[in-house]
Amino acid sequence: MILLFTSSHCAWCDVVKDMVETECDTIGGATRLHEIDVERHTHIAETYGVLAVPTLVSGSVSLSGVPCSDDLRSFLFQTIAGRPLNEDEDARSVLKSARHRKSQSDERKSLIEADSSSRKKGRDEERACAEPSEASCRH
């Protein structure tokens, strides 16, 4: 499955869509293309880290902008070779995948924030022990 992130004001999005469809026909790769409007589905775009349109995403592989034919072919071969075609792939699976990625991302952020907070607390405690307090200073 390939996700094509687009926007209604993107002149190049239709060009990339046509390029993908043509190249898939040429190489004989059976894969589904799901177009996602970033203006309507910002949460999905954020989950996949899409910063520009058009952007193609398949698994962990992404391609932004208007690709040259070699880059597009490489992307498609990685997509086709990456996993077997699932005929049941549809928009629901895209949303489910996006939710799964989002929850993993949120968990990682929580762990990083907790680790950062505990490191800061440790540094603050080290400073407090290293710096004399006003009560211990006699002038």
N, C-alpha and C. Protein backbone atom coordinates (compact mmCIF):
# COMPACT_ATOMS: atom_id res chain seq x y z
N MET A 1 0.84 -1.17 0.00
CA MET A 1 0.00 0.00 0.00
C MET A 1 0.89 1.23 0.00
N ILE A 2 0.54 2.19 -0.82
CA ILE A 2 1.26 3.45 -0.90
C ILE A 2 0.31 4.58 -0.50
N LEU A 3 0.78 5.46 0.36
CA LEU A 3 0.02 6.63 0.74
C LEU A 3 0.58 7.81 -0.04
N LEU A 4 -0.29 8.55 -0.70
CA LEU A 4 0.10 9.76 -1.41
C LEU A 4 -0.53 10.94 -0.69
N PHE A 5 0.30 11.72 0.00
CA PHE A 5 -0.18 12.88 0.72
C PHE A 5 -0.24 14.05 -0.25
N THR A 6 -1.44 14.64 -0.36
CA THR A 6 -1.69 15.70 -1.32
C THR A 6 -2.39 16.88 -0.65
N SER A 7 -2.62 17.90 -1.44
CA SER A 7 -3.35 19.08 -1.00
C SER A 7 -4.14 19.60 -2.19
N SER A 8 -5.26 20.24 -1.92
CA SER A 8 -6.10 20.74 -3.01
C SER A 8 -5.42 21.84 -3.81
N HIS A 9 -4.48 22.55 -3.21
CA HIS A 9 -3.80 23.63 -3.92
C HIS A 9 -2.44 23.20 -4.50
N CYS A 10 -2.16 21.91 -4.49
CA CYS A 10 -0.89 21.39 -4.98
C CYS A 10 -1.00 21.04 -6.47
N ALA A 11 -0.29 21.77 -7.30
CA ALA A 11 -0.32 21.52 -8.74
C ALA A 11 0.42 20.25 -9.12
N TRP A 12 1.42 19.87 -8.33
CA TRP A 12 2.24 18.71 -8.66
C TRP A 12 1.68 17.39 -8.16
N CYS A 13 0.72 17.44 -7.27
CA CYS A 13 0.18 16.20 -6.68
C CYS A 13 -0.45 15.29 -7.74
N ASP A 14 -1.22 15.85 -8.65
CA ASP A 14 -1.83 15.04 -9.71
C ASP A 14 -0.78 14.47 -10.64
N VAL A 15 0.28 15.24 -10.87
CA VAL A 15 1.37 14.76 -11.73
C VAL A 15 2.01 13.53 -11.10
N VAL A 16 2.31 13.61 -9.80
CA VAL A 16 2.93 12.48 -9.10
C VAL A 16 1.99 11.28 -9.08
N LYS A 17 0.72 11.52 -8.86
CA LYS A 17 -0.25 10.42 -8.86
C LYS A 17 -0.24 9.71 -10.21
N ASP A 18 -0.27 10.47 -11.29
CA ASP A 18 -0.22 9.88 -12.63
C ASP A 18 1.09 9.12 -12.86
N MET A 19 2.19 9.69 -12.37
CA MET A 19 3.49 9.03 -12.51
C MET A 19 3.49 7.67 -11.80
N VAL A 20 2.95 7.64 -10.58
CA VAL A 20 2.91 6.39 -9.81
C VAL A 20 2.06 5.35 -10.53
N GLU A 21 0.89 5.75 -10.96
CA GLU A 21 0.00 4.81 -11.65
C GLU A 21 0.63 4.28 -12.93
N THR A 22 1.26 5.16 -13.70
CA THR A 22 1.91 4.74 -14.94
C THR A 22 3.08 3.80 -14.67
N GLU A 23 3.89 4.14 -13.69
CA GLU A 23 5.06 3.31 -13.37
C GLU A 23 4.63 1.95 -12.82
N CYS A 24 3.57 1.92 -12.01
CA CYS A 24 3.06 0.64 -11.50
C CYS A 24 2.59 -0.25 -12.65
N ASP A 25 1.93 0.35 -13.63
CA ASP A 25 1.51 -0.41 -14.81
C ASP A 25 2.71 -0.93 -15.59
N THR A 26 3.74 -0.11 -15.70
CA THR A 26 4.94 -0.48 -16.46
C THR A 26 5.69 -1.63 -15.82
N ILE A 27 5.90 -1.57 -14.51
CA ILE A 27 6.68 -2.61 -13.84
C ILE A 27 5.81 -3.79 -13.40
N GLY A 28 4.51 -3.64 -13.56
CA GLY A 28 3.61 -4.74 -13.23
C GLY A 28 3.45 -4.96 -11.74
N GLY A 29 3.70 -3.96 -10.97
CA GLY A 29 3.57 -4.07 -9.52
C GLY A 29 2.15 -3.78 -9.08
N ALA A 30 1.52 -4.78 -8.51
CA ALA A 30 0.15 -4.58 -8.02
C ALA A 30 0.22 -4.03 -6.60
N THR A 31 -0.15 -2.79 -6.46
CA THR A 31 -0.19 -2.15 -5.15
C THR A 31 -1.31 -1.12 -5.13
N ARG A 32 -1.80 -0.84 -3.96
CA ARG A 32 -2.88 0.14 -3.84
C ARG A 32 -2.32 1.49 -3.50
N LEU A 33 -2.92 2.52 -4.10
CA LEU A 33 -2.52 3.89 -3.86
C LEU A 33 -3.67 4.59 -3.15
N HIS A 34 -3.41 5.11 -1.95
CA HIS A 34 -4.40 5.85 -1.18
C HIS A 34 -3.98 7.30 -1.13
N GLU A 35 -4.85 8.17 -1.61
CA GLU A 35 -4.57 9.60 -1.60
C GLU A 35 -5.13 10.20 -0.31
N ILE A 36 -4.30 10.96 0.39
CA ILE A 36 -4.69 11.56 1.66
C ILE A 36 -4.48 13.07 1.58
N ASP A 37 -5.56 13.81 1.75
CA ASP A 37 -5.52 15.27 1.72
C ASP A 37 -5.02 15.75 3.09
N VAL A 38 -3.87 16.40 3.10
CA VAL A 38 -3.26 16.83 4.37
C VAL A 38 -4.06 17.92 5.07
N GLU A 39 -4.88 18.64 4.31
CA GLU A 39 -5.70 19.68 4.93
C GLU A 39 -6.87 19.08 5.70
N ARG A 40 -7.38 17.97 5.23
CA ARG A 40 -8.51 17.32 5.90
C ARG A 40 -8.04 16.32 6.96
N HIS A 41 -6.87 15.75 6.76
CA HIS A 41 -6.38 14.69 7.66
C HIS A 41 -5.00 15.06 8.21
N THR A 42 -4.96 16.18 8.91
CA THR A 42 -3.67 16.65 9.43
C THR A 42 -3.06 15.67 10.42
N HIS A 43 -3.89 14.97 11.20
CA HIS A 43 -3.38 14.03 12.18
C HIS A 43 -2.63 12.87 11.52
N ILE A 44 -3.09 12.44 10.36
CA ILE A 44 -2.40 11.36 9.66
C ILE A 44 -1.07 11.88 9.10
N ALA A 45 -1.10 13.07 8.52
CA ALA A 45 0.13 13.67 7.99
C ALA A 45 1.16 13.86 9.10
N GLU A 46 0.73 14.33 10.25
CA GLU A 46 1.64 14.52 11.38
C GLU A 46 2.22 13.20 11.85
N THR A 47 1.38 12.17 11.89
CA THR A 47 1.82 10.86 12.33
C THR A 47 2.93 10.32 11.43
N TYR A 48 2.79 10.53 10.15
CA TYR A 48 3.79 10.04 9.20
C TYR A 48 4.93 11.04 8.97
N GLY A 49 4.89 12.16 9.64
CA GLY A 49 5.96 13.14 9.53
C GLY A 49 6.01 13.86 8.18
N VAL A 50 4.87 14.02 7.55
CA VAL A 50 4.80 14.66 6.25
C VAL A 50 4.88 16.17 6.42
N LEU A 51 5.87 16.78 5.79
CA LEU A 51 6.07 18.22 5.90
C LEU A 51 5.80 18.95 4.59
N ALA A 52 5.75 18.22 3.48
CA ALA A 52 5.54 18.82 2.17
C ALA A 52 4.69 17.89 1.32
N VAL A 53 4.00 18.48 0.35
CA VAL A 53 3.24 17.69 -0.60
C VAL A 53 3.80 17.96 -1.99
N PRO A 54 3.75 16.98 -2.86
CA PRO A 54 3.32 15.61 -2.64
C PRO A 54 4.39 14.80 -1.91
N THR A 55 3.94 13.86 -1.10
CA THR A 55 4.82 12.91 -0.43
C THR A 55 4.23 11.52 -0.55
N LEU A 56 5.07 10.58 -0.94
CA LEU A 56 4.69 9.17 -1.01
C LEU A 56 5.26 8.46 0.21
N VAL A 57 4.46 7.61 0.84
CA VAL A 57 4.91 6.85 2.00
C VAL A 57 4.46 5.41 1.84
N SER A 58 5.37 4.51 2.10
CA SER A 58 5.05 3.09 2.13
C SER A 58 5.93 2.44 3.18
N GLY A 59 5.32 2.01 4.27
CA GLY A 59 6.10 1.44 5.36
C GLY A 59 7.03 2.49 5.93
N SER A 60 8.32 2.19 5.96
CA SER A 60 9.29 3.14 6.49
C SER A 60 9.97 3.95 5.39
N VAL A 61 9.52 3.77 4.15
CA VAL A 61 10.12 4.46 3.02
C VAL A 61 9.23 5.64 2.62
N SER A 62 9.84 6.80 2.39
CA SER A 62 9.07 7.95 1.94
C SER A 62 9.83 8.68 0.84
N LEU A 63 9.08 9.44 0.05
CA LEU A 63 9.64 10.17 -1.08
C LEU A 63 8.83 11.45 -1.23
N SER A 64 9.48 12.60 -1.08
CA SER A 64 8.78 13.88 -1.15
C SER A 64 9.14 14.62 -2.43
N GLY A 65 8.19 15.44 -2.88
CA GLY A 65 8.40 16.24 -4.07
C GLY A 65 8.09 15.44 -5.33
N VAL A 66 8.49 15.98 -6.47
CA VAL A 66 8.28 15.30 -7.75
C VAL A 66 9.54 14.50 -8.04
N PRO A 67 9.45 13.17 -7.97
CA PRO A 67 10.64 12.34 -8.14
C PRO A 67 11.01 12.16 -9.61
N CYS A 68 12.29 11.91 -9.84
CA CYS A 68 12.69 11.50 -11.18
C CYS A 68 12.24 10.04 -11.35
N SER A 69 12.23 9.56 -12.55
CA SER A 69 11.70 8.22 -12.80
C SER A 69 12.50 7.14 -12.08
N ASP A 70 13.82 7.30 -11.98
CA ASP A 70 14.63 6.30 -11.29
C ASP A 70 14.31 6.24 -9.80
N ASP A 71 14.15 7.41 -9.17
CA ASP A 71 13.80 7.44 -7.75
C ASP A 71 12.43 6.84 -7.50
N LEU A 72 11.47 7.15 -8.38
CA LEU A 72 10.13 6.60 -8.23
C LEU A 72 10.15 5.09 -8.40
N ARG A 73 10.88 4.61 -9.40
CA ARG A 73 10.97 3.17 -9.65
C ARG A 73 11.60 2.46 -8.44
N SER A 74 12.65 3.05 -7.89
CA SER A 74 13.30 2.49 -6.70
C SER A 74 12.31 2.42 -5.53
N PHE A 75 11.58 3.51 -5.32
CA PHE A 75 10.57 3.55 -4.26
C PHE A 75 9.54 2.44 -4.45
N LEU A 76 9.05 2.29 -5.68
CA LEU A 76 8.03 1.26 -5.96
C LEU A 76 8.58 -0.14 -5.78
N PHE A 77 9.81 -0.38 -6.20
CA PHE A 77 10.40 -1.71 -6.01
C PHE A 77 10.55 -2.02 -4.53
N GLN A 78 10.96 -1.03 -3.73
CA GLN A 78 11.06 -1.24 -2.29
C GLN A 78 9.69 -1.54 -1.69
N THR A 79 8.68 -0.84 -2.19
CA THR A 79 7.32 -1.04 -1.70
C THR A 79 6.81 -2.45 -2.04
N ILE A 80 7.00 -2.83 -3.28
CA ILE A 80 6.51 -4.14 -3.74
C ILE A 80 7.29 -5.27 -3.08
N ALA A 81 8.60 -5.11 -2.96
CA ALA A 81 9.44 -6.15 -2.37
C ALA A 81 9.32 -6.19 -0.85
N GLY A 82 8.89 -5.07 -0.28
CA GLY A 82 8.86 -4.95 1.18
C GLY A 82 7.89 -5.87 1.88
N ARG A 83 6.76 -6.15 1.26
CA ARG A 83 5.79 -7.04 1.90
C ARG A 83 4.78 -7.49 0.86
N PRO A 84 4.13 -8.61 1.10
CA PRO A 84 3.17 -9.12 0.14
C PRO A 84 1.93 -8.23 0.04
N LEU A 85 1.33 -8.21 -1.12
CA LEU A 85 0.11 -7.44 -1.34
C LEU A 85 -1.03 -8.01 -0.51
N ASN A 86 -1.71 -7.15 0.17
CA ASN A 86 -2.87 -7.54 0.96
C ASN A 86 -4.10 -6.95 0.27
N GLU A 87 -4.92 -7.79 -0.26
CA GLU A 87 -6.10 -7.33 -1.00
C GLU A 87 -7.11 -6.60 -0.11
N ASP A 88 -7.01 -6.79 1.20
CA ASP A 88 -7.97 -6.17 2.11
C ASP A 88 -7.54 -4.78 2.56
N GLU A 89 -6.44 -4.27 2.03
CA GLU A 89 -6.00 -2.94 2.42
C GLU A 89 -7.01 -1.91 1.95
N ASP A 90 -7.39 -1.05 2.87
CA ASP A 90 -8.33 0.02 2.54
C ASP A 90 -8.05 1.21 3.44
N ALA A 91 -8.92 2.18 3.38
CA ALA A 91 -8.72 3.40 4.18
C ALA A 91 -8.69 3.09 5.67
N ARG A 92 -9.45 2.11 6.11
CA ARG A 92 -9.45 1.78 7.55
C ARG A 92 -8.07 1.30 8.00
N SER A 93 -7.41 0.52 7.15
CA SER A 93 -6.09 0.04 7.53
C SER A 93 -5.09 1.20 7.60
N VAL A 94 -5.28 2.21 6.76
CA VAL A 94 -4.43 3.40 6.81
C VAL A 94 -4.62 4.10 8.14
N LEU A 95 -5.85 4.30 8.56
CA LEU A 95 -6.12 4.96 9.83
C LEU A 95 -5.61 4.13 11.00
N LYS A 96 -5.79 2.82 10.92
CA LYS A 96 -5.33 1.94 11.99
C LYS A 96 -3.80 2.02 12.10
N SER A 97 -3.14 2.01 10.95
CA SER A 97 -1.68 2.12 10.93
C SER A 97 -1.24 3.47 11.49
N ALA A 98 -1.95 4.53 11.13
CA ALA A 98 -1.61 5.88 11.62
C ALA A 98 -1.79 5.95 13.13
N ARG A 99 -2.87 5.38 13.63
CA ARG A 99 -3.10 5.38 15.09
C ARG A 99 -2.00 4.61 15.81
N HIS A 100 -1.61 3.47 15.23
CA HIS A 100 -0.56 2.65 15.83
C HIS A 100 0.76 3.41 15.88
N ARG A 101 1.13 4.05 14.76
CA ARG A 101 2.35 4.84 14.71
C ARG A 101 2.29 5.98 15.71
N LYS A 102 1.12 6.64 15.82
CA LYS A 102 0.96 7.76 16.73
C LYS A 102 1.15 7.30 18.17
N SER A 103 0.55 6.16 18.54
CA SER A 103 0.68 5.68 19.92
C SER A 103 2.13 5.30 20.22
N GLN A 104 2.83 4.70 19.25
CA GLN A 104 4.24 4.39 19.45
C GLN A 104 5.06 5.66 19.61
N SER A 105 4.76 6.65 18.80
CA SER A 105 5.47 7.93 18.87
C SER A 105 5.21 8.60 20.21
N ASP A 106 3.95 8.57 20.68
CA ASP A 106 3.62 9.17 21.97
C ASP A 106 4.33 8.46 23.11
N GLU A 107 4.42 7.12 23.03
CA GLU A 107 5.11 6.36 24.06
C GLU A 107 6.59 6.73 24.10
N ARG A 108 7.21 6.84 22.91
CA ARG A 108 8.62 7.21 22.86
C ARG A 108 8.84 8.61 23.43
N LYS A 109 7.94 9.55 23.08
CA LYS A 109 8.06 10.91 23.61
C LYS A 109 7.96 10.91 25.12
N SER A 110 7.02 10.14 25.66
CA SER A 110 6.85 10.07 27.12
C SER A 110 8.12 9.54 27.79
N LEU A 111 8.70 8.48 27.20
CA LEU A 111 9.91 7.91 27.77
C LEU A 111 11.07 8.91 27.70
N ILE A 112 11.18 9.60 26.58
CA ILE A 112 12.25 10.59 26.43
C ILE A 112 12.07 11.73 27.42
N GLU A 113 10.83 12.21 27.57
CA GLU A 113 10.56 13.29 28.51
C GLU A 113 10.84 12.86 29.94
N ALA A 114 10.44 11.63 30.30
CA ALA A 114 10.68 11.13 31.65
C ALA A 114 12.17 11.01 31.90
N ASP A 115 12.92 10.50 30.92
CA ASP A 115 14.36 10.35 31.06
C ASP A 115 15.02 11.72 31.18
N SER A 116 14.59 12.66 30.36
CA SER A 116 15.14 14.01 30.40
C SER A 116 14.86 14.68 31.74
N SER A 117 13.65 14.48 32.24
CA SER A 117 13.26 15.07 33.52
C SER A 117 14.10 14.49 34.67
N SER A 118 14.31 13.17 34.64
CA SER A 118 15.09 12.56 35.72
C SER A 118 16.56 12.97 35.63
N ARG A 119 17.09 13.15 34.41
CA ARG A 119 18.46 13.62 34.27
C ARG A 119 18.60 15.04 34.79
N LYS A 120 17.62 15.91 34.48
CA LYS A 120 17.66 17.29 34.94
C LYS A 120 17.60 17.32 36.47
N LYS A 121 16.74 16.50 37.04
CA LYS A 121 16.62 16.45 38.49
C LYS A 121 17.95 16.02 39.11
N GLY A 122 18.58 15.02 38.50
CA GLY A 122 19.88 14.56 38.99
C GLY A 122 20.94 15.64 38.91
N ARG A 123 20.95 16.39 37.81
CA ARG A 123 21.92 17.49 37.67
C ARG A 123 21.66 18.57 38.71
N ASP A 124 20.37 18.88 38.94
CA ASP A 124 20.03 19.89 39.94
C ASP A 124 20.48 19.45 41.33
N GLU A 125 20.31 18.18 41.64
CA GLU A 125 20.74 17.67 42.95
C GLU A 125 22.25 17.71 43.07
N GLU A 126 22.97 17.39 41.98
CA GLU A 126 24.43 17.45 42.01
C GLU A 126 24.90 18.87 42.25
N ARG A 127 24.26 19.84 41.58
CA ARG A 127 24.62 21.25 41.76
C ARG A 127 24.36 21.68 43.20
N ALA A 128 23.23 21.25 43.74
CA ALA A 128 22.88 21.64 45.12
C ALA A 128 23.91 21.10 46.10
N CYS A 129 24.40 19.91 45.85
CA CYS A 129 25.41 19.33 46.74
C CYS A 129 26.76 20.00 46.55
N ALA A 130 27.07 20.41 45.35
CA ALA A 130 28.36 21.02 45.05
C ALA A 130 28.43 22.48 45.47
N GLU A 131 27.30 23.17 45.46
CA GLU A 131 27.27 24.60 45.79
C GLU A 131 26.96 24.76 47.28
N PRO A 132 27.73 25.59 47.96
CA PRO A 132 27.43 25.81 49.38
C PRO A 132 26.13 26.60 49.53
N SER A 133 25.40 26.28 50.54
CA SER A 133 24.15 27.00 50.79
C SER A 133 24.45 28.28 51.54
N GLU A 134 23.50 29.20 51.54
CA GLU A 134 23.70 30.47 52.25
C GLU A 134 23.84 30.24 53.74
N ALA A 135 23.17 29.23 54.27
CA ALA A 135 23.24 28.96 55.70
C ALA A 135 24.63 28.53 56.11
N SER A 136 25.34 27.87 55.20
CA SER A 136 26.68 27.39 55.57
C SER A 136 27.74 28.44 55.35
N CYS A 137 27.40 29.51 54.64
CA CYS A 137 28.36 30.58 54.38
C CYS A 137 28.34 31.58 55.54
N ARG A 138 29.49 31.92 56.08
CA ARG A 138 29.57 32.89 57.16
C ARG A 138 30.48 34.01 56.70
N HIS A 139 29.97 35.19 56.79
CA HIS A 139 30.76 36.36 56.39
C HIS A 139 31.14 37.16 57.56
